[in-house]
All heavy atoms as atom14 arrays in JSON, in Angstrom:
{
  "sequence": "EWDNFRKRSAQEYESSKIRATEKLIEALLPVIDDLERACQAAENTNP",
  "atom14_mask": [
    [1, 1, 1, 1, 1, 1, 1, 1, 1, 0, 0, 0, 0, 0],
    [1, 1, 1, 1, 1, 1, 1, 1, 1, 1, 1, 1, 1, 1],
    [1, 1, 1, 1, 1, 1, 1, 1, 0, 0, 0, 0, 0, 0],
    [1, 1, 1, 1, 1, 1, 1, 1, 0, 0, 0, 0, 0, 0],
    [1, 1, 1, 1, 1, 1, 1, 1, 1, 1, 1, 0, 0, 0],
    [1, 1, 1, 1, 1, 1, 1, 1, 1, 1, 1, 0, 0, 0],
    [1, 1, 1, 1, 1, 1, 1, 1, 1, 0, 0, 0, 0, 0],
    [1, 1, 1, 1, 1, 1, 1, 1, 1, 1, 1, 0, 0, 0],
    [1, 1, 1, 1, 1, 1, 0, 0, 0, 0, 0, 0, 0, 0],
    [1, 1, 1, 1, 1, 0, 0, 0, 0, 0, 0, 0, 0, 0],
    [1, 1, 1, 1, 1, 1, 1, 1, 1, 0, 0, 0, 0, 0],
    [1, 1, 1, 1, 1, 1, 1, 1, 1, 0, 0, 0, 0, 0],
    [1, 1, 1, 1, 1, 1, 1, 1, 1, 1, 1, 1, 0, 0],
    [1, 1, 1, 1, 1, 1, 1, 1, 1, 0, 0, 0, 0, 0],
    [1, 1, 1, 1, 1, 1, 0, 0, 0, 0, 0, 0, 0, 0],
    [1, 1, 1, 1, 1, 1, 0, 0, 0, 0, 0, 0, 0, 0],
    [1, 1, 1, 1, 1, 1, 1, 1, 1, 0, 0, 0, 0, 0],
    [1, 1, 1, 1, 1, 1, 1, 1, 0, 0, 0, 0, 0, 0],
    [1, 1, 1, 1, 1, 1, 1, 1, 1, 1, 1, 0, 0, 0],
    [1, 1, 1, 1, 1, 0, 0, 0, 0, 0, 0, 0, 0, 0],
    [1, 1, 1, 1, 1, 1, 1, 0, 0, 0, 0, 0, 0, 0],
    [1, 1, 1, 1, 1, 1, 1, 1, 1, 0, 0, 0, 0, 0],
    [1, 1, 1, 1, 1, 1, 1, 1, 1, 0, 0, 0, 0, 0],
    [1, 1, 1, 1, 1, 1, 1, 1, 0, 0, 0, 0, 0, 0],
    [1, 1, 1, 1, 1, 1, 1, 1, 0, 0, 0, 0, 0, 0],
    [1, 1, 1, 1, 1, 1, 1, 1, 1, 0, 0, 0, 0, 0],
    [1, 1, 1, 1, 1, 0, 0, 0, 0, 0, 0, 0, 0, 0],
    [1, 1, 1, 1, 1, 1, 1, 1, 0, 0, 0, 0, 0, 0],
    [1, 1, 1, 1, 1, 1, 1, 1, 0, 0, 0, 0, 0, 0],
    [1, 1, 1, 1, 1, 1, 1, 0, 0, 0, 0, 0, 0, 0],
    [1, 1, 1, 1, 1, 1, 1, 0, 0, 0, 0, 0, 0, 0],
    [1, 1, 1, 1, 1, 1, 1, 1, 0, 0, 0, 0, 0, 0],
    [1, 1, 1, 1, 1, 1, 1, 1, 0, 0, 0, 0, 0, 0],
    [1, 1, 1, 1, 1, 1, 1, 1, 0, 0, 0, 0, 0, 0],
    [1, 1, 1, 1, 1, 1, 1, 1, 0, 0, 0, 0, 0, 0],
    [1, 1, 1, 1, 1, 1, 1, 1, 1, 0, 0, 0, 0, 0],
    [1, 1, 1, 1, 1, 1, 1, 1, 1, 1, 1, 0, 0, 0],
    [1, 1, 1, 1, 1, 0, 0, 0, 0, 0, 0, 0, 0, 0],
    [1, 1, 1, 1, 1, 1, 0, 0, 0, 0, 0, 0, 0, 0],
    [1, 1, 1, 1, 1, 1, 1, 1, 1, 0, 0, 0, 0, 0],
    [1, 1, 1, 1, 1, 0, 0, 0, 0, 0, 0, 0, 0, 0],
    [1, 1, 1, 1, 1, 0, 0, 0, 0, 0, 0, 0, 0, 0],
    [1, 1, 1, 1, 1, 1, 1, 1, 1, 0, 0, 0, 0, 0],
    [1, 1, 1, 1, 1, 1, 1, 1, 0, 0, 0, 0, 0, 0],
    [1, 1, 1, 1, 1, 1, 1, 0, 0, 0, 0, 0, 0, 0],
    [1, 1, 1, 1, 1, 1, 1, 1, 0, 0, 0, 0, 0, 0],
    [1, 1, 1, 1, 1, 1, 1, 0, 0, 0, 0, 0, 0, 0]
  ],
  "atom14_positions": [
    [[51.29, -134.67, -68.58], [52.53, -134.67, -67.82], [52.76, -133.31, -67.14], [53.21, -133.26, -65.96], [53.7, -135.01, -68.72], [53.7, -136.45, -69.22], [54.81, -136.74, -70.17], [55.62, -135.76, -70.45], [54.93, -137.86, -70.67], [0.0, 0.0, 0.0], [0.0, 0.0, 0.0], [0.0, 0.0, 0.0], [0.0, 0.0, 0.0], [0.0, 0.0, 0.0]],
    [[52.47, -132.25, -67.85], [52.67, -130.9, -67.22], [51.7, -130.71, -66.08], [52.07, -130.14, -65.05], [52.44, -129.84, -68.3], [52.35, -128.48, -67.71], [51.24, -127.67, -67.61], [53.41, -127.71, -67.1], [51.52, -126.49, -67.01], [52.85, -126.48, -66.7], [54.76, -127.94, -66.87], [53.57, -125.49, -66.06], [55.51, -126.95, -66.25], [54.97, -125.72, -65.86]],
    [[50.47, -131.16, -66.2], [49.49, -131.01, -65.15], [49.92, -131.83, -63.93], [49.8, -131.36, -62.81], [48.08, -131.47, -65.62], [47.0, -131.16, -64.65], [46.84, -129.99, -64.29], [46.3, -132.1, -64.22], [0.0, 0.0, 0.0], [0.0, 0.0, 0.0], [0.0, 0.0, 0.0], [0.0, 0.0, 0.0], [0.0, 0.0, 0.0], [0.0, 0.0, 0.0]],
    [[50.4, -133.04, -64.15], [50.86, -133.84, -63.03], [52.1, -133.2, -62.36], [52.2, -133.21, -61.12], [51.24, -135.26, -63.52], [50.02, -136.06, -63.94], [48.89, -135.79, -63.5], [50.2, -137.0, -64.86], [0.0, 0.0, 0.0], [0.0, 0.0, 0.0], [0.0, 0.0, 0.0], [0.0, 0.0, 0.0], [0.0, 0.0, 0.0], [0.0, 0.0, 0.0]],
    [[52.99, -132.65, -63.16], [54.15, -132.0, -62.63], [53.75, -130.77, -61.79], [54.29, -130.54, -60.7], [55.08, -131.56, -63.74], [56.2, -130.68, -63.3], [57.31, -131.21, -62.64], [56.2, -129.31, -63.52], [58.36, -130.4, -62.21], [57.23, -128.51, -63.14], [58.33, -129.06, -62.45], [0.0, 0.0, 0.0], [0.0, 0.0, 0.0], [0.0, 0.0, 0.0]],
    [[52.73, -130.03, -62.3], [52.31, -128.82, -61.55], [51.68, -129.23, -60.22], [51.96, -128.6, -59.18], [51.26, -128.07, -62.41], [50.75, -126.8, -61.78], [49.82, -126.09, -62.74], [48.72, -126.92, -63.11], [47.64, -127.17, -62.39], [47.53, -126.55, -61.16], [46.68, -127.95, -62.77], [0.0, 0.0, 0.0], [0.0, 0.0, 0.0], [0.0, 0.0, 0.0]],
    [[50.82, -130.26, -60.2], [50.23, -130.7, -58.98], [51.26, -131.25, -58.0], [51.2, -130.96, -56.79], [49.17, -131.76, -59.25], [47.95, -131.28, -60.05], [47.0, -132.37, -60.32], [45.78, -131.85, -61.06], [44.8, -132.94, -61.37], [0.0, 0.0, 0.0], [0.0, 0.0, 0.0], [0.0, 0.0, 0.0], [0.0, 0.0, 0.0], [0.0, 0.0, 0.0]],
    [[52.23, -132.05, -58.54], [53.26, -132.59, -57.7], [54.11, -131.48, -57.05], [54.5, -131.58, -55.91], [54.11, -133.58, -58.5], [55.13, -134.33, -57.65], [55.73, -135.46, -58.44], [56.4, -135.01, -59.68], [55.9, -135.21, -60.89], [54.77, -135.86, -61.05], [56.55, -134.77, -61.92], [0.0, 0.0, 0.0], [0.0, 0.0, 0.0], [0.0, 0.0, 0.0]],
    [[54.43, -130.46, -57.87], [55.2, -129.35, -57.36], [54.48, -128.62, -56.27], [55.07, -128.22, -55.24], [55.6, -128.42, -58.5], [56.36, -129.08, -59.49], [0.0, 0.0, 0.0], [0.0, 0.0, 0.0], [0.0, 0.0, 0.0], [0.0, 0.0, 0.0], [0.0, 0.0, 0.0], [0.0, 0.0, 0.0], [0.0, 0.0, 0.0], [0.0, 0.0, 0.0]],
    [[53.15, -128.44, -56.47], [52.39, -127.75, -55.43], [52.33, -128.55, -54.16], [52.43, -127.99, -53.03], [50.93, -127.49, -55.95], [0.0, 0.0, 0.0], [0.0, 0.0, 0.0], [0.0, 0.0, 0.0], [0.0, 0.0, 0.0], [0.0, 0.0, 0.0], [0.0, 0.0, 0.0], [0.0, 0.0, 0.0], [0.0, 0.0, 0.0], [0.0, 0.0, 0.0]],
    [[52.18, -129.86, -54.28], [52.16, -130.68, -53.09], [53.54, -130.68, -52.38], [53.57, -130.6, -51.12], [51.81, -132.15, -53.45], [50.36, -132.28, -53.94], [50.04, -133.72, -54.39], [50.94, -134.56, -54.47], [48.78, -133.98, -54.69], [0.0, 0.0, 0.0], [0.0, 0.0, 0.0], [0.0, 0.0, 0.0], [0.0, 0.0, 0.0], [0.0, 0.0, 0.0]],
    [[54.59, -130.74, -53.16], [55.91, -130.68, -52.52], [56.15, -129.34, -51.85], [56.81, -129.27, -50.79], [56.99, -130.96, -53.6], [56.96, -132.4, -54.15], [58.01, -132.59, -55.24], [58.63, -131.57, -55.65], [58.15, -133.72, -55.66], [0.0, 0.0, 0.0], [0.0, 0.0, 0.0], [0.0, 0.0, 0.0], [0.0, 0.0, 0.0], [0.0, 0.0, 0.0]],
    [[55.64, -128.28, -52.49], [55.79, -126.95, -51.85], [55.06, -126.87, -50.51], [55.59, -126.39, -49.49], [55.28, -125.89, -52.79], [55.29, -124.49, -52.22], [56.51, -123.81, -52.04], [54.11, -123.88, -51.85], [56.5, -122.54, -51.51], [54.14, -122.56, -51.36], [55.32, -121.94, -51.18], [55.33, -120.65, -50.6], [0.0, 0.0, 0.0], [0.0, 0.0, 0.0]],
    [[53.86, -127.39, -50.51], [53.09, -127.38, -49.25], [53.73, -128.3, -48.21], [53.79, -127.93, -47.02], [51.63, -127.9, -49.52], [50.81, -126.95, -50.36], [50.6, -125.6, -49.66], [50.51, -125.58, -48.42], [50.48, -124.56, -50.38], [0.0, 0.0, 0.0], [0.0, 0.0, 0.0], [0.0, 0.0, 0.0], [0.0, 0.0, 0.0], [0.0, 0.0, 0.0]],
    [[54.24, -129.42, -48.65], [54.93, -130.3, -47.69], [56.19, -129.68, -47.12], [56.49, -129.82, -45.92], [55.3, -131.65, -48.38], [54.15, -132.31, -48.83], [0.0, 0.0, 0.0], [0.0, 0.0, 0.0], [0.0, 0.0, 0.0], [0.0, 0.0, 0.0], [0.0, 0.0, 0.0], [0.0, 0.0, 0.0], [0.0, 0.0, 0.0], [0.0, 0.0, 0.0]],
    [[56.87, -128.93, -47.95], [58.12, -128.22, -47.46], [57.75, -127.15, -46.46], [58.47, -126.96, -45.47], [58.88, -127.63, -48.67], [58.13, -126.63, -49.31], [0.0, 0.0, 0.0], [0.0, 0.0, 0.0], [0.0, 0.0, 0.0], [0.0, 0.0, 0.0], [0.0, 0.0, 0.0], [0.0, 0.0, 0.0], [0.0, 0.0, 0.0], [0.0, 0.0, 0.0]],
    [[56.63, -126.48, -46.7], [56.17, -125.46, -45.72], [55.8, -126.15, -44.4], [56.14, -125.6, -43.31], [54.94, -124.71, -46.29], [55.28, -123.77, -47.39], [54.04, -123.2, -48.05], [53.16, -122.51, -47.01], [51.94, -121.93, -47.65], [0.0, 0.0, 0.0], [0.0, 0.0, 0.0], [0.0, 0.0, 0.0], [0.0, 0.0, 0.0], [0.0, 0.0, 0.0]],
    [[55.18, -127.28, -44.49], [54.78, -128.02, -43.24], [56.03, -128.46, -42.47], [56.1, -128.31, -41.29], [53.86, -129.19, -43.59], [52.51, -128.66, -44.11], [53.67, -130.05, -42.36], [51.62, -129.73, -44.61], [0.0, 0.0, 0.0], [0.0, 0.0, 0.0], [0.0, 0.0, 0.0], [0.0, 0.0, 0.0], [0.0, 0.0, 0.0], [0.0, 0.0, 0.0]],
    [[57.01, -129.02, -43.23], [58.22, -129.49, -42.57], [58.99, -128.35, -41.95], [59.66, -128.49, -40.9], [59.08, -130.27, -43.53], [58.53, -131.6, -43.98], [59.6, -132.37, -44.73], [59.98, -131.78, -45.96], [59.41, -132.0, -47.11], [58.41, -132.83, -47.2], [59.84, -131.4, -48.21], [0.0, 0.0, 0.0], [0.0, 0.0, 0.0], [0.0, 0.0, 0.0]],
    [[58.96, -127.16, -42.61], [59.66, -126.02, -42.06], [59.06, -125.55, -40.74], [59.8, -125.06, -39.85], [59.61, -124.88, -43.08], [0.0, 0.0, 0.0], [0.0, 0.0, 0.0], [0.0, 0.0, 0.0], [0.0, 0.0, 0.0], [0.0, 0.0, 0.0], [0.0, 0.0, 0.0], [0.0, 0.0, 0.0], [0.0, 0.0, 0.0], [0.0, 0.0, 0.0]],
    [[57.76, -125.67, -40.55], [57.1, -125.26, -39.29], [56.93, -126.39, -38.31], [56.5, -126.14, -37.17], [55.71, -124.64, -39.63], [54.94, -125.6, -40.32], [55.88, -123.4, -40.52], [0.0, 0.0, 0.0], [0.0, 0.0, 0.0], [0.0, 0.0, 0.0], [0.0, 0.0, 0.0], [0.0, 0.0, 0.0], [0.0, 0.0, 0.0], [0.0, 0.0, 0.0]],
    [[57.21, -127.58, -38.72], [56.97, -128.74, -37.84], [57.85, -128.66, -36.6], [57.38, -128.96, -35.46], [57.28, -130.04, -38.58], [56.99, -131.28, -37.79], [57.18, -132.53, -38.6], [57.27, -132.44, -39.87], [57.34, -133.63, -37.99], [0.0, 0.0, 0.0], [0.0, 0.0, 0.0], [0.0, 0.0, 0.0], [0.0, 0.0, 0.0], [0.0, 0.0, 0.0]],
    [[59.07, -128.23, -36.7], [59.99, -128.13, -35.52], [59.48, -127.1, -34.56], [59.52, -127.3, -33.35], [61.35, -127.78, -36.01], [62.03, -128.83, -36.9], [62.17, -130.18, -36.16], [62.87, -131.22, -37.02], [62.95, -132.55, -36.33], [0.0, 0.0, 0.0], [0.0, 0.0, 0.0], [0.0, 0.0, 0.0], [0.0, 0.0, 0.0], [0.0, 0.0, 0.0]],
    [[58.95, -125.99, -35.09], [58.41, -124.97, -34.24], [57.18, -125.49, -33.5], [57.0, -125.24, -32.26], [58.08, -123.69, -35.03], [57.37, -122.57, -34.29], [58.27, -122.09, -33.13], [57.01, -121.46, -35.24], [0.0, 0.0, 0.0], [0.0, 0.0, 0.0], [0.0, 0.0, 0.0], [0.0, 0.0, 0.0], [0.0, 0.0, 0.0], [0.0, 0.0, 0.0]],
    [[56.3, -126.2, -34.2], [55.09, -126.71, -33.56], [55.46, -127.75, -32.49], [54.88, -127.75, -31.4], [54.19, -127.35, -34.61], [53.76, -126.31, -35.63], [52.95, -127.96, -33.96], [53.01, -125.13, -35.1], [0.0, 0.0, 0.0], [0.0, 0.0, 0.0], [0.0, 0.0, 0.0], [0.0, 0.0, 0.0], [0.0, 0.0, 0.0], [0.0, 0.0, 0.0]],
    [[56.44, -128.61, -32.79], [56.84, -129.6, -31.77], [57.38, -128.91, -30.52], [57.21, -129.41, -29.4], [57.88, -130.53, -32.38], [57.32, -131.49, -33.41], [58.43, -132.35, -34.03], [59.63, -132.06, -33.79], [58.11, -133.32, -34.75], [0.0, 0.0, 0.0], [0.0, 0.0, 0.0], [0.0, 0.0, 0.0], [0.0, 0.0, 0.0], [0.0, 0.0, 0.0]],
    [[58.09, -127.75, -30.7], [58.6, -127.02, -29.54], [57.46, -126.41, -28.71], [57.61, -126.2, -27.49], [59.59, -126.02, -29.99], [0.0, 0.0, 0.0], [0.0, 0.0, 0.0], [0.0, 0.0, 0.0], [0.0, 0.0, 0.0], [0.0, 0.0, 0.0], [0.0, 0.0, 0.0], [0.0, 0.0, 0.0], [0.0, 0.0, 0.0], [0.0, 0.0, 0.0]],
    [[56.33, -126.05, -29.38], [55.21, -125.44, -28.67], [54.27, -126.42, -28.02], [53.49, -126.05, -27.13], [54.46, -124.57, -29.62], [55.13, -123.3, -30.16], [54.25, -122.62, -31.18], [55.41, -122.33, -28.98], [0.0, 0.0, 0.0], [0.0, 0.0, 0.0], [0.0, 0.0, 0.0], [0.0, 0.0, 0.0], [0.0, 0.0, 0.0], [0.0, 0.0, 0.0]],
    [[54.33, -127.67, -28.38], [53.42, -128.67, -27.84], [53.55, -128.83, -26.33], [52.55, -128.89, -25.62], [53.6, -130.02, -28.54], [53.16, -130.08, -30.02], [53.32, -131.47, -30.56], [51.74, -129.56, -30.2], [0.0, 0.0, 0.0], [0.0, 0.0, 0.0], [0.0, 0.0, 0.0], [0.0, 0.0, 0.0], [0.0, 0.0, 0.0], [0.0, 0.0, 0.0]],
    [[54.76, -128.87, -25.76], [54.89, -128.94, -24.31], [54.27, -127.71, -23.58], [53.77, -127.88, -22.47], [56.41, -129.02, -24.06], [56.94, -129.62, -25.31], [56.08, -129.06, -26.4], [0.0, 0.0, 0.0], [0.0, 0.0, 0.0], [0.0, 0.0, 0.0], [0.0, 0.0, 0.0], [0.0, 0.0, 0.0], [0.0, 0.0, 0.0], [0.0, 0.0, 0.0]],
    [[54.33, -126.58, -24.23], [53.72, -125.37, -23.63], [52.22, -125.55, -23.56], [51.56, -125.22, -22.54], [54.09, -124.11, -24.4], [53.43, -122.88, -23.88], [55.64, -123.93, -24.48], [0.0, 0.0, 0.0], [0.0, 0.0, 0.0], [0.0, 0.0, 0.0], [0.0, 0.0, 0.0], [0.0, 0.0, 0.0], [0.0, 0.0, 0.0], [0.0, 0.0, 0.0]],
    [[51.65, -126.06, -24.68], [50.17, -126.36, -24.65], [49.83, -127.35, -23.59], [48.81, -127.21, -22.9], [49.77, -126.81, -26.09], [50.01, -125.7, -27.09], [48.28, -127.18, -26.08], [49.74, -126.11, -28.5], [0.0, 0.0, 0.0], [0.0, 0.0, 0.0], [0.0, 0.0, 0.0], [0.0, 0.0, 0.0], [0.0, 0.0, 0.0], [0.0, 0.0, 0.0]],
    [[50.63, -128.39, -23.46], [50.39, -129.4, -22.44], [50.43, -128.79, -21.05], [49.55, -129.13, -20.18], [51.43, -130.52, -22.55], [51.32, -131.32, -23.86], [50.25, -131.27, -24.46], [52.37, -131.91, -24.26], [0.0, 0.0, 0.0], [0.0, 0.0, 0.0], [0.0, 0.0, 0.0], [0.0, 0.0, 0.0], [0.0, 0.0, 0.0], [0.0, 0.0, 0.0]],
    [[51.39, -127.94, -20.78], [51.47, -127.3, -19.42], [50.26, -126.43, -19.17], [49.75, -126.44, -18.02], [52.73, -126.49, -19.35], [54.01, -127.35, -19.35], [53.87, -128.56, -19.06], [55.07, -126.84, -19.65], [0.0, 0.0, 0.0], [0.0, 0.0, 0.0], [0.0, 0.0, 0.0], [0.0, 0.0, 0.0], [0.0, 0.0, 0.0], [0.0, 0.0, 0.0]],
    [[49.78, -125.71, -20.14], [48.58, -124.89, -19.94], [47.39, -125.77, -19.63], [46.55, -125.42, -18.77], [48.35, -124.0, -21.17], [49.34, -122.95, -21.47], [49.04, -122.25, -22.83], [49.35, -121.89, -20.36], [0.0, 0.0, 0.0], [0.0, 0.0, 0.0], [0.0, 0.0, 0.0], [0.0, 0.0, 0.0], [0.0, 0.0, 0.0], [0.0, 0.0, 0.0]],
    [[47.23, -126.88, -20.32], [46.15, -127.78, -20.06], [46.25, -128.4, -18.67], [45.24, -128.51, -17.95], [46.12, -128.86, -21.12], [45.73, -128.38, -22.49], [45.8, -129.46, -23.55], [46.26, -130.59, -23.22], [45.36, -129.26, -24.7], [0.0, 0.0, 0.0], [0.0, 0.0, 0.0], [0.0, 0.0, 0.0], [0.0, 0.0, 0.0], [0.0, 0.0, 0.0]],
    [[47.43, -128.77, -18.25], [47.58, -129.36, -16.93], [47.3, -128.33, -15.81], [46.71, -128.66, -14.8], [49.0, -129.91, -16.78], [49.31, -131.11, -17.68], [50.65, -131.76, -17.32], [51.04, -132.76, -18.26], [51.93, -132.58, -19.25], [52.54, -131.39, -19.36], [52.23, -133.52, -20.06], [0.0, 0.0, 0.0], [0.0, 0.0, 0.0], [0.0, 0.0, 0.0]],
    [[47.75, -127.1, -16.05], [47.53, -126.05, -15.05], [46.02, -125.79, -14.87], [45.53, -125.67, -13.74], [48.24, -124.75, -15.43], [0.0, 0.0, 0.0], [0.0, 0.0, 0.0], [0.0, 0.0, 0.0], [0.0, 0.0, 0.0], [0.0, 0.0, 0.0], [0.0, 0.0, 0.0], [0.0, 0.0, 0.0], [0.0, 0.0, 0.0], [0.0, 0.0, 0.0]],
    [[45.3, -125.73, -15.97], [43.86, -125.49, -15.87], [43.14, -126.7, -15.2], [42.23, -126.48, -14.4], [43.3, -125.29, -17.28], [43.85, -123.75, -18.06], [0.0, 0.0, 0.0], [0.0, 0.0, 0.0], [0.0, 0.0, 0.0], [0.0, 0.0, 0.0], [0.0, 0.0, 0.0], [0.0, 0.0, 0.0], [0.0, 0.0, 0.0], [0.0, 0.0, 0.0]],
    [[43.61, -127.93, -15.56], [42.96, -129.13, -14.99], [43.26, -129.19, -13.49], [42.38, -129.56, -12.68], [43.52, -130.38, -15.69], [42.83, -131.65, -15.27], [41.34, -131.64, -15.66], [40.96, -131.15, -16.69], [40.52, -132.18, -14.77], [0.0, 0.0, 0.0], [0.0, 0.0, 0.0], [0.0, 0.0, 0.0], [0.0, 0.0, 0.0], [0.0, 0.0, 0.0]],
    [[44.46, -128.85, -13.09], [44.84, -128.93, -11.67], [44.04, -127.86, -10.89], [43.56, -128.15, -9.74], [46.33, -128.7, -11.5], [0.0, 0.0, 0.0], [0.0, 0.0, 0.0], [0.0, 0.0, 0.0], [0.0, 0.0, 0.0], [0.0, 0.0, 0.0], [0.0, 0.0, 0.0], [0.0, 0.0, 0.0], [0.0, 0.0, 0.0], [0.0, 0.0, 0.0]],
    [[43.92, -126.65, -11.4], [43.15, -125.64, -10.69], [41.69, -126.02, -10.59], [41.07, -125.75, -9.51], [43.33, -124.32, -11.44], [0.0, 0.0, 0.0], [0.0, 0.0, 0.0], [0.0, 0.0, 0.0], [0.0, 0.0, 0.0], [0.0, 0.0, 0.0], [0.0, 0.0, 0.0], [0.0, 0.0, 0.0], [0.0, 0.0, 0.0], [0.0, 0.0, 0.0]],
    [[41.15, -126.61, -11.56], [39.75, -127.03, -11.51], [39.53, -128.18, -10.52], [38.51, -128.22, -9.81], [39.26, -127.46, -12.93], [37.78, -127.79, -12.98], [37.33, -128.13, -14.4], [38.14, -127.97, -15.35], [36.18, -128.56, -14.56], [0.0, 0.0, 0.0], [0.0, 0.0, 0.0], [0.0, 0.0, 0.0], [0.0, 0.0, 0.0], [0.0, 0.0, 0.0]],
    [[40.48, -129.08, -10.43], [40.32, -130.23, -9.53], [40.5, -129.8, -8.06], [39.8, -130.35, -7.15], [41.34, -131.35, -9.87], [41.06, -131.96, -11.21], [39.9, -131.89, -11.68], [42.05, -132.53, -11.83], [0.0, 0.0, 0.0], [0.0, 0.0, 0.0], [0.0, 0.0, 0.0], [0.0, 0.0, 0.0], [0.0, 0.0, 0.0], [0.0, 0.0, 0.0]],
    [[41.43, -128.9, -7.8], [41.7, -128.51, -6.43], [40.67, -127.54, -5.87], [40.22, -127.59, -4.7], [43.11, -127.94, -6.29], [43.23, -126.85, -7.2], [44.19, -128.95, -6.61], [0.0, 0.0, 0.0], [0.0, 0.0, 0.0], [0.0, 0.0, 0.0], [0.0, 0.0, 0.0], [0.0, 0.0, 0.0], [0.0, 0.0, 0.0], [0.0, 0.0, 0.0]],
    [[40.32, -126.54, -6.65], [39.43, -125.52, -6.14], [38.59, -124.96, -7.32], [38.84, -123.89, -7.88], [40.24, -124.37, -5.52], [39.4, -123.38, -4.71], [38.21, -123.57, -4.57], [40.02, -122.35, -4.17], [0.0, 0.0, 0.0], [0.0, 0.0, 0.0], [0.0, 0.0, 0.0], [0.0, 0.0, 0.0], [0.0, 0.0, 0.0], [0.0, 0.0, 0.0]],
    [[37.51, -125.7, -7.68], [36.75, -125.34, -8.88], [36.0, -124.05, -8.72], [35.78, -123.33, -9.7], [35.82, -126.55, -9.02], [35.7, -127.15, -7.71], [37.05, -126.99, -7.05], [0.0, 0.0, 0.0], [0.0, 0.0, 0.0], [0.0, 0.0, 0.0], [0.0, 0.0, 0.0], [0.0, 0.0, 0.0], [0.0, 0.0, 0.0], [0.0, 0.0, 0.0]]
  ]
}
């Protein structure tokens, strides 16, 4: 029971860390998309 509790606590801790940074990552995704579109547009128009 203690081993299961320790593993479950570690998983919950990692999940909480992921949820804490998830909002920040979601806010950065449009920036990544814009960089990809800019590079693709420049390559298509004047490679």
